[in-house]
Protein backbone atom coordinates (compact mmCIF):
# COMPACT_ATOMS: atom_id res chain seq x y z
CA MET A 1 95.24 41.70 124.06
CA SER A 2 95.07 38.21 123.08
CA ASP A 3 95.60 36.12 125.72
CA CYS A 4 97.43 33.83 125.78
CA SER A 5 100.12 8.01 123.19
CA THR A 6 101.89 7.47 120.52
CA LEU A 7 100.26 4.98 118.46
CA THR A 8 100.98 2.97 115.60
CA LYS A 9 98.81 2.97 112.45
CA ALA A 10 95.91 0.91 111.19
CA GLY A 11 96.76 -1.68 109.53
CA ASN A 12 95.62 -3.42 106.36
CA GLY A 13 92.80 -6.44 106.14
CA MET A 14 91.62 -7.51 109.25
CA ASP A 15 93.27 -5.20 110.81
CA MET A 16 91.53 -2.43 109.48
CA MET A 17 88.57 -3.91 109.88
CA LYS A 18 89.06 -4.38 113.27
CA PHE A 19 89.81 -1.13 114.11
CA ALA A 20 86.58 -0.23 112.23
CA SER A 21 83.62 -2.89 114.32
CA LEU A 22 86.12 -1.00 117.68
CA ARG A 23 85.42 2.27 116.22
CA ILE A 24 81.64 2.01 115.54
CA GLY A 25 81.64 0.49 118.47
CA ILE A 26 82.98 3.26 120.60
CA PHE A 27 80.63 5.54 118.86
CA PHE A 28 77.37 4.15 119.07
CA ALA A 29 78.65 3.74 123.45
CA THR A 30 79.38 7.52 122.78
CA ALA A 31 76.48 8.49 121.51
CA THR A 32 74.35 6.76 123.98
CA LEU A 33 76.45 8.41 127.00
CA ALA A 34 75.38 11.51 125.55
CA ALA A 35 72.31 10.96 125.15
CA SER A 36 71.63 9.90 128.12
CA GLN A 37 73.04 12.91 129.86
CA GLY A 38 71.41 15.42 127.91
CA LEU A 39 74.62 16.36 125.75
CA THR A 40 75.15 17.26 122.18
CA THR A 41 76.83 15.53 119.60
CA ASP A 42 77.20 17.24 116.37
CA MET A 43 79.24 15.83 112.65
CA VAL A 44 81.03 18.54 111.16
CA ARG A 45 82.65 18.13 107.32
CA THR A 46 86.10 19.00 106.88
CA LYS A 47 88.62 18.47 103.84
CA THR A 48 89.26 15.26 104.78
CA VAL A 49 86.88 13.33 107.09
CA GLU A 50 83.67 13.89 108.92
CA LEU A 51 84.22 14.42 112.74
CA GLN A 52 81.83 13.39 115.52
CA VAL A 53 82.36 15.70 117.76
CA ASP A 54 80.41 14.95 121.55
CA THR A 55 80.38 17.65 124.35
CA ILE A 56 81.21 14.93 127.48
CA ALA A 57 80.52 17.93 130.17
CA THR A 58 80.11 21.40 130.72
CA GLY A 59 80.19 24.15 133.37
CA LEU A 60 83.31 24.24 134.38
CA GLU A 61 85.08 27.75 134.83
CA HIS A 62 87.56 28.65 132.37
CA PRO A 63 89.63 25.15 132.06
CA TRP A 64 92.97 25.33 131.23
CA ALA A 65 94.11 21.79 130.34
CA VAL A 66 93.03 17.79 130.30
CA GLU A 67 94.31 14.48 130.54
CA VAL A 68 93.79 11.19 130.20
CA LEU A 69 94.26 8.95 133.50
CA PRO A 70 94.19 5.21 132.76
CA ASP A 71 91.01 4.08 134.18
CA GLY A 72 89.68 6.08 131.42
CA ALA A 73 88.75 9.66 133.45
CA TYR A 74 90.07 12.94 132.58
CA LEU A 75 91.75 15.15 134.54
CA VAL A 76 90.65 19.00 134.00
CA THR A 77 92.31 22.06 135.46
CA GLU A 78 90.32 25.50 136.02
CA ARG A 79 92.34 28.28 135.84
CA PRO A 80 90.70 29.92 139.40
CA GLY A 81 92.87 27.16 141.52
CA ARG A 82 90.45 23.75 140.92
CA LEU A 83 91.71 20.75 139.10
CA ARG A 84 88.86 17.66 139.00
CA THR A 85 88.75 14.60 136.97
CA ILE A 86 84.92 13.84 134.61
CA ARG A 87 83.91 10.46 134.63
CA ASP A 88 81.41 9.18 132.86
CA GLY A 89 80.06 12.88 132.33
CA LYS A 90 79.72 13.49 135.62
CA ILE A 91 82.21 16.24 136.99
CA SER A 92 83.65 15.51 140.34
CA ALA A 93 84.32 17.77 143.71
CA PRO A 94 86.87 19.53 143.72
CA ILE A 95 90.18 17.74 144.71
CA THR A 96 91.79 19.07 147.48
CA GLY A 97 95.75 19.68 148.10
CA VAL A 98 96.02 21.97 144.92
CA PRO A 99 98.59 24.84 145.74
CA LYS A 100 96.77 28.45 145.92
CA VAL A 101 97.69 30.35 142.58
CA ASN A 102 97.29 33.63 141.97
CA ALA A 103 93.97 33.61 139.89
CA ARG A 104 93.91 37.41 138.66
CA SER A 105 93.59 38.09 134.63
CA GLN A 106 95.67 35.52 132.41
CA GLY A 107 97.04 33.36 135.60
CA GLY A 108 95.54 31.11 138.34
CA LEU A 109 95.89 27.01 137.82
CA MET A 110 96.70 26.54 134.43
CA ASP A 111 99.00 23.09 133.24
CA VAL A 112 99.14 19.21 134.29
CA ALA A 113 100.54 16.85 132.92
CA ILE A 114 100.96 13.06 134.08
CA ALA A 115 103.97 11.63 133.88
CA PRO A 116 104.82 8.75 132.42
CA ASP A 117 105.60 6.27 134.75
CA PHE A 118 101.56 7.27 136.34
CA ALA A 119 99.96 4.63 136.42
CA SER A 120 103.05 3.06 138.99
CA SER A 121 103.70 6.42 140.37
CA ARG A 122 100.92 8.40 140.47
CA ARG A 123 102.34 11.63 139.64
CA ILE A 124 101.45 14.30 138.40
CA PHE A 125 102.60 17.90 137.13
CA LEU A 126 100.80 21.25 137.78
CA THR A 127 102.06 24.70 136.49
CA ALA A 128 100.05 27.94 138.15
CA ALA A 129 100.81 31.74 138.45
CA THR A 130 101.78 31.56 142.32
CA ARG A 131 102.15 35.31 144.23
CA ALA A 132 105.59 35.99 145.90
CA LYS A 133 107.51 38.91 147.35
CA GLY A 134 107.70 41.07 144.19
CA GLY A 135 104.67 39.84 142.42
CA SER A 136 103.45 36.84 141.19
CA GLY A 137 105.00 34.29 137.83
CA THR A 138 104.82 31.10 136.98
CA GLU A 139 105.42 27.93 139.59
CA VAL A 140 105.78 24.05 138.66
CA PHE A 141 104.86 21.42 140.67
CA SER A 142 105.15 18.04 141.71
CA ALA A 143 102.01 16.06 143.42
CA LYS A 144 100.90 12.56 144.13
CA LEU A 145 97.24 11.82 142.77
CA SER A 146 95.47 9.54 145.46
CA ALA A 147 94.41 6.51 144.50
CA ASP A 148 90.62 7.66 145.53
CA GLY A 149 91.14 10.24 143.37
CA THR A 150 90.10 12.59 146.09
CA LYS A 151 93.51 14.68 147.01
CA LEU A 152 96.84 15.71 146.08
CA GLU A 153 99.92 14.90 148.57
CA ASP A 154 103.49 14.90 148.21
CA VAL A 155 103.60 18.42 147.19
CA LYS A 156 106.78 19.72 146.21
CA SER A 157 107.74 23.20 144.36
CA ILE A 158 109.89 22.05 141.71
CA PHE A 159 110.51 25.30 139.61
CA ALA A 160 109.58 29.28 140.19
CA MET A 161 111.03 32.27 137.92
CA LYS A 162 113.99 33.72 139.54
CA ARG A 163 112.29 36.68 139.58
CA PHE A 164 108.36 37.38 140.08
CA THR A 165 106.91 40.70 139.29
CA SER A 166 103.97 43.03 138.89
CA GLY A 167 101.53 42.26 136.26
CA ASN A 168 99.18 39.07 135.68
CA ILE A 169 99.62 38.40 131.75
CA GLN A 170 101.66 36.05 129.45
CA TYR A 171 103.20 33.32 131.90
CA GLY A 172 103.69 30.44 129.24
CA SER A 173 102.98 27.89 130.98
CA ARG A 174 102.68 24.32 129.22
CA ILE A 175 104.69 21.32 129.66
CA ALA A 176 106.24 18.55 127.78
CA PHE A 177 108.22 15.38 128.77
CA ALA A 178 111.53 14.00 127.36
CA LYS A 179 111.93 10.75 126.55
CA ASP A 180 113.85 9.86 130.06
CA GLY A 181 110.45 11.91 131.57
CA SER A 182 112.28 15.61 132.21
CA LEU A 183 110.32 18.62 131.65
CA PHE A 184 110.49 21.04 129.20
CA ILE A 185 108.24 24.13 130.36
CA SER A 186 107.64 27.16 128.63
CA ILE A 187 108.00 30.62 130.30
CA GLY A 188 105.87 33.59 128.95
CA ASP A 189 107.85 37.34 129.46
CA ARG A 190 105.17 38.53 131.74
CA GLY A 191 104.05 40.96 129.87
CA ASP A 192 107.63 42.93 130.07
CA ARG A 193 109.61 42.36 126.73
CA ASP A 194 113.21 43.25 127.10
CA ARG A 195 112.67 40.09 129.76
CA SER A 196 113.06 37.64 127.00
CA GLN A 197 116.04 39.07 125.79
CA ASP A 198 118.06 38.63 129.52
CA TRP A 199 119.66 35.09 130.24
CA LYS A 200 119.81 35.46 133.42
CA ASP A 201 116.10 35.92 133.87
CA ASP A 202 113.50 32.53 133.30
CA ALA A 203 110.69 35.06 131.23
CA GLY A 204 110.48 34.53 128.08
CA SER A 205 112.12 30.80 127.81
CA ILE A 206 112.05 27.15 127.69
CA VAL A 207 113.11 25.68 130.55
CA HIS A 208 114.67 22.20 130.88
CA ILE A 209 114.51 20.60 134.39
CA ASN A 210 114.18 16.93 135.93
CA ALA A 211 111.22 15.83 137.58
CA ASP A 212 113.30 16.42 140.84
CA GLY A 213 113.12 20.17 139.72
CA SER A 214 117.73 19.79 139.17
CA ILE A 215 119.15 20.93 136.15
CA PRO A 216 119.84 17.78 133.10
CA ALA A 217 123.32 16.95 132.07
CA ASP A 218 122.85 18.18 128.44
CA ASN A 219 121.16 21.66 129.44
CA PRO A 220 123.12 24.11 127.30
CA PHE A 221 124.04 26.54 130.16
CA LYS A 222 124.25 24.28 133.16
CA ASP A 223 127.65 26.30 134.23
CA GLY A 224 125.45 28.79 134.69
CA ILE A 225 128.09 31.48 133.18
CA LYS A 226 126.04 32.81 130.23
CA ALA A 227 122.02 32.05 131.36
CA LEU A 228 120.28 30.19 134.33
CA PRO A 229 121.47 26.26 134.41
CA GLU A 230 117.63 25.84 133.66
CA ILE A 231 117.49 27.51 130.20
CA TRP A 232 116.88 25.53 126.96
CA SER A 233 116.23 28.89 124.49
CA LYS A 234 114.94 32.45 124.69
CA GLY A 235 113.15 34.94 122.39
CA HIS A 236 110.00 33.83 123.26
CA ARG A 237 107.10 36.37 123.92
CA ASN A 238 104.19 33.81 125.33
CA PRO A 239 104.69 30.28 124.75
CA GLN A 240 101.17 28.36 125.65
CA GLY A 241 101.06 25.61 123.34
CA ILE A 242 104.50 23.16 123.75
CA ALA A 243 104.80 19.27 122.46
CA ILE A 244 107.77 16.95 121.36
CA ASP A 245 106.76 14.70 117.83
CA ALA A 246 106.91 11.31 118.70
CA ALA A 247 108.38 10.57 115.03
CA ASP A 248 111.80 11.95 115.98
CA GLY A 249 111.94 13.43 119.10
CA LYS A 250 111.79 17.20 117.67
CA LEU A 251 110.30 19.75 119.75
CA TYR A 252 108.02 22.78 118.73
CA THR A 253 106.32 25.67 120.32
CA VAL A 254 103.29 27.84 119.77
CA GLU A 255 103.38 31.67 120.75
CA HIS A 256 101.37 34.66 120.87
CA GLY A 257 102.86 37.43 118.77
CA ALA A 258 101.36 40.80 119.98
CA ARG A 259 98.99 42.37 117.00
CA GLY A 260 100.32 39.43 114.39
CA GLY A 261 102.92 37.38 114.18
CA ASP A 262 101.88 34.20 115.99
CA GLU A 263 104.33 31.92 115.48
CA ILE A 264 105.28 27.78 115.78
CA ASN A 265 108.85 27.78 116.84
CA TYR A 266 111.29 24.36 116.19
CA ILE A 267 113.00 24.86 119.21
CA GLU A 268 117.16 23.93 119.26
CA PRO A 269 118.87 24.51 122.64
CA GLY A 270 120.74 27.52 123.40
CA LYS A 271 118.95 29.84 120.54
CA ASN A 272 117.42 32.84 120.37
CA TYR A 273 113.93 32.96 119.02
CA GLY A 274 113.90 37.14 118.15
CA TRP A 275 111.25 38.28 120.92
CA PRO A 276 111.55 41.19 120.89
CA ILE A 277 114.43 42.36 118.81
CA ILE A 278 112.36 40.81 115.38
CA THR A 279 108.55 39.81 115.43
CA TYR A 280 106.29 39.43 112.66
CA GLY A 281 103.49 41.17 114.35
CA ARG A 282 102.93 45.18 115.76
CA ASP A 283 102.44 46.30 118.77
CA TYR A 284 98.80 47.05 119.74
CA SER A 285 98.79 50.07 118.90
CA GLY A 286 100.36 49.68 115.07
CA ALA A 287 103.91 50.58 116.48
CA GLU A 288 106.78 48.71 115.19
CA ILE A 289 107.85 46.75 117.35
CA GLY A 290 112.59 45.65 117.48
CA GLU A 291 114.71 46.13 113.95
CA GLY A 292 112.02 44.22 111.91
CA THR A 293 111.52 40.56 110.59
CA ALA A 294 114.94 39.13 110.93
CA LYS A 295 118.97 39.74 112.34
CA GLU A 296 121.37 37.83 111.74
CA GLY A 297 122.05 35.23 115.26
CA LEU A 298 118.11 35.21 115.57
CA GLU A 299 115.92 32.33 114.45
CA GLN A 300 112.97 32.36 111.74
CA PRO A 301 109.45 31.40 112.79
CA ALA A 302 109.14 27.75 111.41
CA TYR A 303 105.35 29.15 110.40
CA TYR A 304 103.97 32.90 111.52
CA TRP A 305 100.16 33.40 111.57
CA ASP A 306 99.50 37.73 110.81
CA PRO A 307 96.36 38.69 111.91
CA SER A 308 96.67 36.89 115.10
CA ILE A 309 94.63 33.85 115.71
CA ALA A 310 95.48 34.01 119.56
CA PRO A 311 97.16 30.11 119.53
CA GLY A 312 96.87 27.95 122.89
CA ALA A 313 97.80 24.54 123.29
CA LEU A 314 99.86 22.71 120.19
CA ALA A 315 99.41 18.69 119.66
CA ILE A 316 101.53 16.90 117.53
CA TYR A 317 99.33 14.10 115.35
CA ARG A 318 100.32 10.79 115.88
CA GLY A 319 96.91 8.86 116.56
CA ARG A 320 95.53 5.96 114.78
CA MET A 321 91.93 7.04 114.40
CA PHE A 322 92.95 9.78 111.82
CA PRO A 323 95.92 8.41 109.45
CA GLU A 324 95.46 11.01 107.04
CA TRP A 325 96.38 13.98 109.99
CA ASP A 326 100.06 11.94 110.34
CA GLY A 327 102.71 14.46 111.42
CA ASN A 328 99.91 17.79 111.44
CA PHE A 329 100.50 19.78 113.87
CA LEU A 330 97.05 21.22 115.35
CA VAL A 331 96.57 24.34 117.41
CA ALA A 332 93.88 25.42 119.12
CA ALA A 333 92.99 28.62 118.41
CA LEU A 334 91.50 31.42 121.47
CA LYS A 335 90.69 34.99 119.29
CA PHE A 336 88.98 32.64 116.40
CA GLN A 337 87.63 29.79 117.88
CA LEU A 338 88.20 27.43 116.06
CA LEU A 339 91.27 24.36 115.77
CA SER A 340 94.37 24.52 113.01
CA ARG A 341 95.06 22.10 111.42
CA MET A 342 98.81 22.07 110.03
CA GLN A 343 100.10 20.09 107.05
CA ARG A 344 103.48 19.87 106.74
CA ASP A 345 105.69 18.54 103.33
CA ASP A 346 108.56 15.33 103.29
CA THR A 347 111.26 18.48 104.61
CA GLY A 348 108.65 19.72 107.98
CA ALA A 349 107.58 23.08 106.10
CA PHE A 350 104.19 23.95 106.63
CA VAL A 351 101.83 24.20 103.53
CA ALA A 352 98.78 24.12 104.26
CA GLU A 353 96.32 25.29 106.79
CA GLU A 354 92.76 24.03 107.49
CA ARG A 355 90.91 25.83 109.84
CA MET A 356 88.07 23.40 111.90
CA LEU A 357 85.19 24.26 114.25
CA ASP A 358 85.40 27.80 113.34
CA GLY A 359 83.25 29.80 115.59
CA SER A 360 80.63 26.83 117.17
CA TYR A 361 82.46 26.09 120.24
CA GLY A 362 84.31 28.93 121.79
CA ARG A 363 87.54 29.41 123.27
CA MET A 364 89.92 26.64 122.18
CA ARG A 365 92.80 26.60 125.14
CA ASP A 366 94.10 23.24 124.63
CA VAL A 367 93.76 20.44 122.97
CA VAL A 368 95.37 16.78 122.80
CA VAL A 369 95.36 13.40 121.36
CA ALA A 370 94.13 10.62 123.80
CA PRO A 371 95.24 7.23 123.23
CA ASP A 372 92.69 5.93 120.88
CA GLY A 373 93.55 9.09 118.77
CA ALA A 374 90.18 10.95 119.18
CA LEU A 375 91.29 14.81 120.00
CA LEU A 376 90.17 16.62 123.54
CA ILE A 377 89.25 19.93 123.31
CA LEU A 378 88.72 22.04 125.78
CA THR A 379 86.98 25.74 125.55
CA ASP A 380 88.45 28.77 127.77
CA GLU A 381 84.72 30.43 128.69
CA ASP A 382 82.68 31.40 132.03
CA ASP A 383 80.90 28.40 130.98
CA GLY A 384 83.82 25.58 129.34
CA ALA A 385 83.26 22.61 127.79
CA LEU A 386 85.44 19.41 127.52
CA LEU A 387 85.16 18.31 123.57
CA ARG A 388 85.41 15.04 122.14
CA VAL A 389 86.26 14.87 118.42
CA SER A 390 86.11 11.18 117.05
CA ARG A 391 85.60 10.01 113.73
CA ALA A 392 82.15 10.05 112.30
CA PRO A 393 81.15 6.56 111.62
CA THR A 394 80.85 5.68 108.18
CA ASN A 395 77.17 4.26 106.80
CA ASN A 396 77.14 1.78 104.80
CA GLY A 397 73.71 1.08 103.82
């Protein structure tokens, strides 16, 4: 079973010269740091640009998510239940105060997201598989990271699935922030496909809540009559990537199919994305699932893969380091151990895919765009790594 800063473009003339000088300076600083710590630096040619891949840290146990703190340190979750910072290549001791998690199979400590006002509030959000009566499920916590970065304070549970069940798979569990600071959270079907079509069940849905756990006024079912008030969309299998395009505010997910049928979906409120009634995949036994690939009233994916790549996280590139990638979707892949760069045309349709870093670094779980436009990638391994992918410096002789 497959497991499942927006910056302006660099300008012309002097702006481009300053950008190039800055980029080269960053390269030499990073290369010096990597060399001093015995970490690796690789050059990788792609269709559009040569990349530099720096291994920032290793020795992480199944890392799941990474964020960049304002001081440049990295905040990383490990699935067994640890939260750490990485600064100058050094991994901190586990941060204390992390809620107890259900670290079994695909479950554990998963996403971390820093609040848009983190610089003043120190607020972060965590998703985790937790246990309660009836089994386990996805839960979301709010907490403050202490000033010295060693502990969590004011930890609160702001959301938990209404029904916890047995089994330890398909939790979903990514977070995306809307402009108003509210949270979109992806929830998997927990291995019970029929739950994705039960509108009174959080499983197989995208939920939308405010930062305090309350229900936003624009939720399609806020009255709770047809569906749970937190539900934004249904019919999802195991969405482990979620992102809002900074250019137009549209919400997208990337999610695991069964055997084939991994999907990118454009998410709209109140819509049903079909799982398991329609799918482009098959059961692991080879049997057909549902009623085919299309049905009236159910949404089609914006893109699907067959065979499955087992997608992890999704980032929509709007950084300045790779202007030729503007608007591209970047999808981390677990099974195929690669980063998929998905190109779109002027209508937003996907027209080409480039598979980068193919098989070179292991299972790729998370991909985020750093404030400088570089990419940060986590490899989901027993000995997982944090990679920084930047533009290779130009040698002008």
